[in-house]
PDB file of N, CA and C in Angstrom:
ATOM      1  N   UNK A   1       0.853  -1.176   0.000  1.00  0.00           N
ATOM      2  CA  UNK A   1       0.000   0.000   0.000  1.00  0.00           C
ATOM      3  C   UNK A   1       0.896   1.235   0.000  1.00  0.00           C
ATOM      4  N   UNK A   2       0.642   2.210  -0.865  1.00  0.00           N
ATOM      5  CA  UNK A   2       1.444   3.428  -0.880  1.00  0.00           C
ATOM      6  C   UNK A   2       1.333   4.177   0.447  1.00  0.00           C
ATOM      7  N   UNK A   3       2.466   4.654   0.968  1.00  0.00           N
ATOM      8  CA  UNK A   3       2.501   5.367   2.248  1.00  0.00           C
ATOM      9  C   UNK A   3       2.622   6.868   2.035  1.00  0.00           C
ATOM     10  N   UNK A   4       1.949   7.607   2.901  1.00  0.00           N
ATOM     11  CA  UNK A   4       1.989   9.062   2.874  1.00  0.00           C
ATOM     12  C   UNK A   4       2.196   9.559   4.300  1.00  0.00           C
ATOM     13  N   UNK A   5       3.360  10.176   4.599  1.00  0.00           N
ATOM     14  CA  UNK A   5       3.528  10.768   5.924  1.00  0.00           C
ATOM     15  C   UNK A   5       2.521  11.909   6.112  1.00  0.00           C
ATOM     16  N   UNK A   6       1.886  11.923   7.263  1.00  0.00           N
ATOM     17  CA  UNK A   6       0.914  12.950   7.615  1.00  0.00           C
ATOM     18  C   UNK A   6       1.423  13.635   8.873  1.00  0.00           C
ATOM     19  N   UNK A   7       1.887  14.874   8.733  1.00  0.00           N
ATOM     20  CA  UNK A   7       2.505  15.592   9.845  1.00  0.00           C
ATOM     21  C   UNK A   7       1.560  16.680  10.333  1.00  0.00           C
ATOM     22  N   UNK A   8       1.008  16.468  11.519  1.00  0.00           N
ATOM     23  CA  UNK A   8       0.140  17.463  12.142  1.00  0.00           C
ATOM     24  C   UNK A   8       0.090  17.213  13.642  1.00  0.00           C
ATOM     25  N   UNK A   9      -0.120  18.274  14.386  1.00  0.00           N
ATOM     26  CA  UNK A   9      -0.286  18.161  15.843  1.00  0.00           C
ATOM     27  C   UNK A   9      -1.759  18.217  16.221  1.00  0.00           C
ATOM     28  N   UNK A  10      -2.621  18.395  15.223  1.00  0.00           N
ATOM     29  CA  UNK A  10      -4.056  18.567  15.444  1.00  0.00           C
ATOM     30  C   UNK A  10      -4.799  17.269  15.132  1.00  0.00           C
ATOM     31  N   UNK A  11      -5.354  16.608  16.155  1.00  0.00           N
ATOM     32  CA  UNK A  11      -6.049  15.336  15.924  1.00  0.00           C
ATOM     33  C   UNK A  11      -7.208  15.445  14.927  1.00  0.00           C
ATOM     34  N   UNK A  12      -7.915  16.574  14.923  1.00  0.00           N
ATOM     35  CA  UNK A  12      -9.031  16.711  13.977  1.00  0.00           C
ATOM     36  C   UNK A  12      -8.524  16.841  12.542  1.00  0.00           C
ATOM     37  N   UNK A  13      -7.416  17.534  12.337  1.00  0.00           N
ATOM     38  CA  UNK A  13      -6.826  17.636  11.000  1.00  0.00           C
ATOM     39  C   UNK A  13      -6.311  16.274  10.551  1.00  0.00           C
ATOM     40  N   UNK A  14      -5.766  15.512  11.491  1.00  0.00           N
ATOM     41  CA  UNK A  14      -5.281  14.169  11.182  1.00  0.00           C
ATOM     42  C   UNK A  14      -6.427  13.283  10.689  1.00  0.00           C
ATOM     43  N   UNK A  15      -7.541  13.331  11.399  1.00  0.00           N
ATOM     44  CA  UNK A  15      -8.707  12.536  11.015  1.00  0.00           C
ATOM     45  C   UNK A  15      -9.228  12.949   9.643  1.00  0.00           C
ATOM     46  N   UNK A  16      -9.326  14.258   9.419  1.00  0.00           N
ATOM     47  CA  UNK A  16      -9.832  14.754   8.130  1.00  0.00           C
ATOM     48  C   UNK A  16      -8.920  14.371   6.967  1.00  0.00           C
ATOM     49  N   UNK A  17      -7.629  14.350   7.186  1.00  0.00           N
ATOM     50  CA  UNK A  17      -6.690  14.013   6.118  1.00  0.00           C
ATOM     51  C   UNK A  17      -6.586  12.503   5.902  1.00  0.00           C
ATOM     52  N   UNK A  18      -6.729  11.732   6.967  1.00  0.00           N
ATOM     53  CA  UNK A  18      -6.611  10.273   6.850  1.00  0.00           C
ATOM     54  C   UNK A  18      -7.733   9.659   6.029  1.00  0.00           C
ATOM     55  N   UNK A  19      -8.932  10.188   6.164  1.00  0.00           N
ATOM     56  CA  UNK A  19     -10.085   9.598   5.469  1.00  0.00           C
ATOM     57  C   UNK A  19      -9.900   9.538   3.961  1.00  0.00           C
ATOM     58  N   UNK A  20      -9.631  10.656   3.289  1.00  0.00           N
ATOM     59  CA  UNK A  20      -9.477  10.567   1.826  1.00  0.00           C
ATOM     60  C   UNK A  20      -8.238   9.787   1.408  1.00  0.00           C
ATOM     61  N   UNK A  21      -7.176   9.837   2.217  1.00  0.00           N
ATOM     62  CA  UNK A  21      -5.985   9.051   1.885  1.00  0.00           C
ATOM     63  C   UNK A  21      -6.312   7.563   1.911  1.00  0.00           C
ATOM     64  N   UNK A  22      -6.989   7.137   2.958  1.00  0.00           N
ATOM     65  CA  UNK A  22      -7.371   5.737   3.092  1.00  0.00           C
ATOM     66  C   UNK A  22      -8.331   5.322   1.980  1.00  0.00           C
ATOM     67  N   UNK A  23      -9.288   6.175   1.682  1.00  0.00           N
ATOM     68  CA  UNK A  23     -10.273   5.866   0.639  1.00  0.00           C
ATOM     69  C   UNK A  23      -9.625   5.720  -0.734  1.00  0.00           C
ATOM     70  N   UNK A  24      -8.500   6.405  -0.940  1.00  0.00           N
ATOM     71  CA  UNK A  24      -7.821   6.323  -2.236  1.00  0.00           C
ATOM     72  C   UNK A  24      -6.719   5.254  -2.242  1.00  0.00           C
ATOM     73  N   UNK A  25      -6.688   4.432  -1.183  1.00  0.00           N
ATOM     74  CA  UNK A  25      -5.752   3.316  -1.156  1.00  0.00           C
ATOM     75  C   UNK A  25      -4.375   3.631  -0.610  1.00  0.00           C
ATOM     76  N   UNK A  26      -4.240   4.724   0.151  1.00  0.00           N
ATOM     77  CA  UNK A  26      -2.961   5.102   0.739  1.00  0.00           C
ATOM     78  C   UNK A  26      -2.970   4.834   2.236  1.00  0.00           C
ATOM     79  N   UNK A  27      -1.825   4.536   2.776  1.00  0.00           N
ATOM     80  CA  UNK A  27      -1.678   4.380   4.217  1.00  0.00           C
ATOM     81  C   UNK A  27      -1.067   5.659   4.778  1.00  0.00           C
ATOM     82  N   UNK A  28      -1.801   6.333   5.656  1.00  0.00           N
ATOM     83  CA  UNK A  28      -1.288   7.542   6.298  1.00  0.00           C
ATOM     84  C   UNK A  28      -0.386   7.127   7.450  1.00  0.00           C
ATOM     85  N   UNK A  29       0.849   7.606   7.435  1.00  0.00           N
ATOM     86  CA  UNK A  29       1.804   7.349   8.507  1.00  0.00           C
ATOM     87  C   UNK A  29       1.856   8.633   9.332  1.00  0.00           C
ATOM     88  N   UNK A  30       1.102   8.647  10.430  1.00  0.00           N
ATOM     89  CA  UNK A  30       0.966   9.860  11.231  1.00  0.00           C
ATOM     90  C   UNK A  30       2.220  10.160  12.037  1.00  0.00           C
ATOM     91  N   UNK A  31       2.541  11.444  12.107  1.00  0.00           N
ATOM     92  CA  UNK A  31       3.681  11.911  12.902  1.00  0.00           C
ATOM     93  C   UNK A  31       3.297  13.250  13.529  1.00  0.00           C
ATOM     94  N   UNK A  32       3.625  13.420  14.779  1.00  0.00           N
ATOM     95  CA  UNK A  32       3.314  14.670  15.488  1.00  0.00           C
ATOM     96  C   UNK A  32       4.380  15.745  15.287  1.00  0.00           C
ATOM     97  N   UNK A  33       5.515  15.352  14.723  1.00  0.00           N
ATOM     98  CA  UNK A  33       6.589  16.322  14.493  1.00  0.00           C
ATOM     99  C   UNK A  33       7.279  16.011  13.178  1.00  0.00           C
ATOM    100  N   UNK A  34       7.984  16.990  12.668  1.00  0.00           N
ATOM    101  CA  UNK A  34       8.722  16.775  11.420  1.00  0.00           C
ATOM    102  C   UNK A  34       9.871  15.792  11.654  1.00  0.00           C
ATOM    103  N   UNK A  35      10.472  15.810  12.850  1.00  0.00           N
ATOM    104  CA  UNK A  35      11.537  14.848  13.160  1.00  0.00           C
ATOM    105  C   UNK A  35      11.018  13.412  13.088  1.00  0.00           C
ATOM    106  N   UNK A  36       9.841  13.180  13.672  1.00  0.00           N
ATOM    107  CA  UNK A  36       9.252  11.846  13.628  1.00  0.00           C
ATOM    108  C   UNK A  36       8.927  11.448  12.190  1.00  0.00           C
ATOM    109  N   UNK A  37       8.467  12.396  11.402  1.00  0.00           N
ATOM    110  CA  UNK A  37       8.156  12.108  10.001  1.00  0.00           C
ATOM    111  C   UNK A  37       9.420  11.769   9.221  1.00  0.00           C
ATOM    112  N   UNK A  38      10.502  12.489   9.483  1.00  0.00           N
ATOM    113  CA  UNK A  38      11.770  12.208   8.792  1.00  0.00           C
ATOM    114  C   UNK A  38      12.276  10.821   9.174  1.00  0.00           C
ATOM    115  N   UNK A  39      12.147  10.438  10.450  1.00  0.00           N
ATOM    116  CA  UNK A  39      12.557   9.097  10.867  1.00  0.00           C
ATOM    117  C   UNK A  39      11.727   8.032  10.152  1.00  0.00           C
ATOM    118  N   UNK A  40      10.455   8.336   9.899  1.00  0.00           N
ATOM    119  CA  UNK A  40       9.604   7.348   9.217  1.00  0.00           C
ATOM    120  C   UNK A  40      10.027   7.144   7.771  1.00  0.00           C
ATOM    121  N   UNK A  41      10.742   8.102   7.196  1.00  0.00           N
ATOM    122  CA  UNK A  41      11.196   7.962   5.809  1.00  0.00           C
ATOM    123  C   UNK A  41      12.150   6.787   5.649  1.00  0.00           C
ATOM    124  N   UNK A  42      12.829   6.409   6.742  1.00  0.00           N
ATOM    125  CA  UNK A  42      13.769   5.292   6.691  1.00  0.00           C
ATOM    126  C   UNK A  42      13.070   3.939   6.834  1.00  0.00           C
ATOM    127  N   UNK A  43      11.794   3.955   7.229  1.00  0.00           N
ATOM    128  CA  UNK A  43      11.065   2.718   7.483  1.00  0.00           C
ATOM    129  C   UNK A  43      10.148   2.309   6.331  1.00  0.00           C
ATOM    130  N   UNK A  44       9.655   3.283   5.594  1.00  0.00           N
ATOM    131  CA  UNK A  44       8.700   3.001   4.517  1.00  0.00           C
ATOM    132  C   UNK A  44       9.071   3.791   3.272  1.00  0.00           C
ATOM    133  N   UNK A  45       8.599   3.313   2.144  1.00  0.00           N
ATOM    134  CA  UNK A  45       8.761   4.052   0.894  1.00  0.00           C
ATOM    135  C   UNK A  45       7.519   4.915   0.726  1.00  0.00           C
ATOM    136  N   UNK A  46       7.735   6.208   0.614  1.00  0.00           N
ATOM    137  CA  UNK A  46       6.592   7.117   0.537  1.00  0.00           C
ATOM    138  C   UNK A  46       6.277   7.466  -0.917  1.00  0.00           C
ATOM    139  N   UNK A  47       5.073   7.986  -1.112  1.00  0.00           N
ATOM    140  CA  UNK A  47       4.611   8.380  -2.436  1.00  0.00           C
ATOM    141  C   UNK A  47       4.231   9.856  -2.488  1.00  0.00           C
ATOM    142  N   UNK A  48       4.070  10.466  -1.326  1.00  0.00           N
ATOM    143  CA  UNK A  48       3.707  11.882  -1.195  1.00  0.00           C
ATOM    144  C   UNK A  48       3.822  12.226   0.286  1.00  0.00           C
ATOM    145  N   UNK A  49       3.551  13.465   0.636  1.00  0.00           N
ATOM    146  CA  UNK A  49       3.538  13.874   2.042  1.00  0.00           C
ATOM    147  C   UNK A  49       2.439  14.907   2.240  1.00  0.00           C
ATOM    148  N   UNK A  50       1.844  14.890   3.426  1.00  0.00           N
ATOM    149  CA  UNK A  50       0.843  15.882   3.816  1.00  0.00           C
ATOM    150  C   UNK A  50       1.351  16.520   5.108  1.00  0.00           C
ATOM    151  N   UNK A  51       1.491  17.854   5.091  1.00  0.00           N
ATOM    152  CA  UNK A  51       2.066  18.559   6.236  1.00  0.00           C
ATOM    153  C   UNK A  51       1.162  19.718   6.631  1.00  0.00           C
ATOM    154  N   UNK A  52       0.906  19.837   7.928  1.00  0.00           N
ATOM    155  CA  UNK A  52       0.117  20.932   8.485  1.00  0.00           C
ATOM    156  C   UNK A  52       1.035  22.135   8.691  1.00  0.00           C
ATOM    157  N   UNK A  53       0.648  23.281   8.181  1.00  0.00           N
ATOM    158  CA  UNK A  53       1.482  24.476   8.325  1.00  0.00           C
ATOM    159  C   UNK A  53       1.624  24.912   9.784  1.00  0.00           C
ATOM    160  N   UNK A  54       0.768  24.392  10.667  1.00  0.00           N
ATOM    161  CA  UNK A  54       0.837  24.752  12.086  1.00  0.00           C
ATOM    162  C   UNK A  54       2.097  24.209  12.759  1.00  0.00           C
ATOM    163  N   UNK A  55       2.861  23.328  12.101  1.00  0.00           N
ATOM    164  CA  UNK A  55       4.099  22.837  12.708  1.00  0.00           C
ATOM    165  C   UNK A  55       5.153  23.936  12.757  1.00  0.00           C
ATOM    166  N   UNK A  56       4.944  24.995  12.017  1.00  0.00           N
ATOM    167  CA  UNK A  56       5.878  26.123  12.028  1.00  0.00           C
ATOM    168  C   UNK A  56       6.659  26.225  10.737  1.00  0.00           C
ATOM    169  N   UNK A  57       6.934  27.450  10.358  1.00  0.00           N
ATOM    170  CA  UNK A  57       7.576  27.715   9.076  1.00  0.00           C
ATOM    171  C   UNK A  57       8.957  27.076   8.950  1.00  0.00           C
ATOM    172  N   UNK A  58       9.792  27.207   9.973  1.00  0.00           N
ATOM    173  CA  UNK A  58      11.146  26.655   9.903  1.00  0.00           C
ATOM    174  C   UNK A  58      11.134  25.133   9.778  1.00  0.00           C
ATOM    175  N   UNK A  59      10.342  24.474  10.620  1.00  0.00           N
ATOM    176  CA  UNK A  59      10.261  23.012  10.560  1.00  0.00           C
ATOM    177  C   UNK A  59       9.653  22.547   9.243  1.00  0.00           C
ATOM    178  N   UNK A  60       8.693  23.302   8.748  1.00  0.00           N
ATOM    179  CA  UNK A  60       8.078  22.974   7.464  1.00  0.00           C
ATOM    180  C   UNK A  60       9.094  23.051   6.335  1.00  0.00           C
ATOM    181  N   UNK A  61       9.889  24.104   6.332  1.00  0.00           N
ATOM    182  CA  UNK A  61      10.924  24.253   5.296  1.00  0.00           C
ATOM    183  C   UNK A  61      11.957  23.128   5.380  1.00  0.00           C
ATOM    184  N   UNK A  62      12.386  22.793   6.598  1.00  0.00           N
ATOM    185  CA  UNK A  62      13.368  21.720   6.775  1.00  0.00           C
ATOM    186  C   UNK A  62      12.822  20.379   6.296  1.00  0.00           C
ATOM    187  N   UNK A  63      11.573  20.094   6.645  1.00  0.00           N
ATOM    188  CA  UNK A  63      10.970  18.833   6.232  1.00  0.00           C
ATOM    189  C   UNK A  63      10.854  18.752   4.711  1.00  0.00           C
ATOM    190  N   UNK A  64      10.343  19.809   4.101  1.00  0.00           N
ATOM    191  CA  UNK A  64      10.197  19.823   2.640  1.00  0.00           C
ATOM    192  C   UNK A  64      11.555  19.718   1.956  1.00  0.00           C
ATOM    193  N   UNK A  65      12.549  20.378   2.498  1.00  0.00           N
ATOM    194  CA  UNK A  65      13.898  20.299   1.939  1.00  0.00           C
ATOM    195  C   UNK A  65      14.424  18.876   2.021  1.00  0.00           C
ATOM    196  N   UNK A  66      14.177  18.224   3.149  1.00  0.00           N
ATOM    197  CA  UNK A  66      14.628  16.835   3.325  1.00  0.00           C
ATOM    198  C   UNK A  66      13.930  15.896   2.338  1.00  0.00           C
ATOM    199  N   UNK A  67      12.635  16.085   2.173  1.00  0.00           N
ATOM    200  CA  UNK A  67      11.863  15.266   1.232  1.00  0.00           C
ATOM    201  C   UNK A  67      12.392  15.456  -0.186  1.00  0.00           C
ATOM    202  N   UNK A  68      12.682  16.677  -0.552  1.00  0.00           N
ATOM    203  CA  UNK A  68      13.096  16.983  -1.924  1.00  0.00           C
ATOM    204  C   UNK A  68      14.584  16.751  -2.176  1.00  0.00           C
ATOM    205  N   UNK A  69      15.361  16.427  -1.132  1.00  0.00           N
ATOM    206  CA  UNK A  69      16.802  16.243  -1.303  1.00  0.00           C
ATOM    207  C   UNK A  69      17.166  14.904  -1.936  1.00  0.00           C
ATOM    208  N   UNK A  70      16.236  13.971  -1.927  1.00  0.00           N
ATOM    209  CA  UNK A  70      16.505  12.657  -2.516  1.00  0.00           C
ATOM    210  C   UNK A  70      16.381  12.698  -4.029  1.00  0.00           C
ATOM    211  N   UNK A  71      16.541  11.548  -4.620  1.00  0.00           N
ATOM    212  CA  UNK A  71      16.448  11.444  -6.073  1.00  0.00           C
ATOM    213  C   UNK A  71      15.007  11.441  -6.567  1.00  0.00           C
ATOM    214  N   UNK A  72      14.070  11.095  -5.684  1.00  0.00           N
ATOM    215  CA  UNK A  72      12.661  11.053  -6.069  1.00  0.00           C
ATOM    216  C   UNK A  72      12.030  12.427  -5.888  1.00  0.00           C
ATOM    217  N   UNK A  73      10.981  12.675  -6.634  1.00  0.00           N
ATOM    218  CA  UNK A  73      10.279  13.944  -6.546  1.00  0.00           C
ATOM    219  C   UNK A  73       8.859  13.669  -6.055  1.00  0.00           C
ATOM    220  N   UNK A  74       8.606  13.929  -4.774  1.00  0.00           N
ATOM    221  CA  UNK A  74       7.320  13.629  -4.165  1.00  0.00           C
ATOM    222  C   UNK A  74       6.456  14.877  -4.092  1.00  0.00           C
ATOM    223  N   UNK A  75       5.159  14.731  -4.341  1.00  0.00           N
ATOM    224  CA  UNK A  75       4.261  15.861  -4.100  1.00  0.00           C
ATOM    225  C   UNK A  75       4.102  16.074  -2.598  1.00  0.00           C
ATOM    226  N   UNK A  76       3.990  17.326  -2.192  1.00  0.00           N
ATOM    227  CA  UNK A  76       3.779  17.668  -0.789  1.00  0.00           C
ATOM    228  C   UNK A  76       2.518  18.521  -0.713  1.00  0.00           C
ATOM    229  N   UNK A  77       1.507  18.024   0.009  1.00  0.00           N
ATOM    230  CA  UNK A  77       0.269  18.773   0.210  1.00  0.00           C
ATOM    231  C   UNK A  77       0.384  19.518   1.534  1.00  0.00           C
ATOM    232  N   UNK A  78       0.014  20.773   1.513  1.00  0.00           N
ATOM    233  CA  UNK A  78       0.130  21.621   2.694  1.00  0.00           C
ATOM    234  C   UNK A  78      -1.261  21.925   3.243  1.00  0.00           C
ATOM    235  N   UNK A  79      -1.480  21.592   4.516  1.00  0.00           N
ATOM    236  CA  UNK A  79      -2.734  21.929   5.190  1.00  0.00           C
ATOM    237  C   UNK A  79      -2.583  23.290   5.846  1.00  0.00           C
ATOM    238  N   UNK A  80      -3.504  24.178   5.594  1.00  0.00           N
ATOM    239  CA  UNK A  80      -3.464  25.493   6.222  1.00  0.00           C
ATOM    240  C   UNK A  80      -4.826  25.805   6.825  1.00  0.00           C
ATOM    241  N   UNK A  81      -4.821  26.633   7.859  1.00  0.00           N
ATOM    242  CA  UNK A  81      -6.066  27.073   8.459  1.00  0.00           C
ATOM    243  C   UNK A  81      -6.727  28.081   7.531  1.00  0.00           C
ATOM    244  N   UNK A  82      -8.031  28.150   7.588  1.00  0.00           N
ATOM    245  CA  UNK A  82      -8.771  29.092   6.732  1.00  0.00           C
ATOM    246  C   UNK A  82      -8.332  30.527   6.996  1.00  0.00           C
ATOM    247  N   UNK A  83      -7.900  30.817   8.197  1.00  0.00           N
ATOM    248  CA  UNK A  83      -7.518  32.178   8.560  1.00  0.00           C
ATOM    249  C   UNK A  83      -6.021  32.467   8.288  1.00  0.00           C
ATOM    250  N   UNK A  84      -5.286  31.450   7.805  1.00  0.00           N
ATOM    251  CA  UNK A  84      -3.854  31.630   7.560  1.00  0.00           C
ATOM    252  C   UNK A  84      -3.654  32.620   6.419  1.00  0.00           C
ATOM    253  N   UNK A  85      -2.713  33.530   6.603  1.00  0.00           N
ATOM    254  CA  UNK A  85      -2.473  34.530   5.567  1.00  0.00           C
ATOM    255  C   UNK A  85      -1.498  34.016   4.524  1.00  0.00           C
ATOM    256  N   UNK A  86      -0.316  33.561   4.973  1.00  0.00           N
ATOM    257  CA  UNK A  86       0.672  32.989   4.060  1.00  0.00           C
ATOM    258  C   UNK A  86       1.863  32.501   4.866  1.00  0.00           C
ATOM    259  N   UNK A  87       2.710  31.700   4.222  1.00  0.00           N
ATOM    260  CA  UNK A  87       3.933  31.221   4.862  1.00  0.00           C
ATOM    261  C   UNK A  87       5.081  32.105   4.480  1.00  0.00           C
TER     262      UNK A  87
END
């Protein structure tokens, strides 16, 4: 099953993101921090990533940089709050 790291500290955002991933045949690998998500990269082969912008701009940039540093090019979906202005 294709794996997708899901990085969020918000349980409701996790639930909302897991449903469509599961319905489309993906396994969401939940992580509460970008460090935990990066460690999961060594355990599974990923196909994309979903990251909540609430983890913070610096951690978000580091995680995306780490994902994109490999030879593969993965899509990264960014979850933002409706009231978020920009990163």
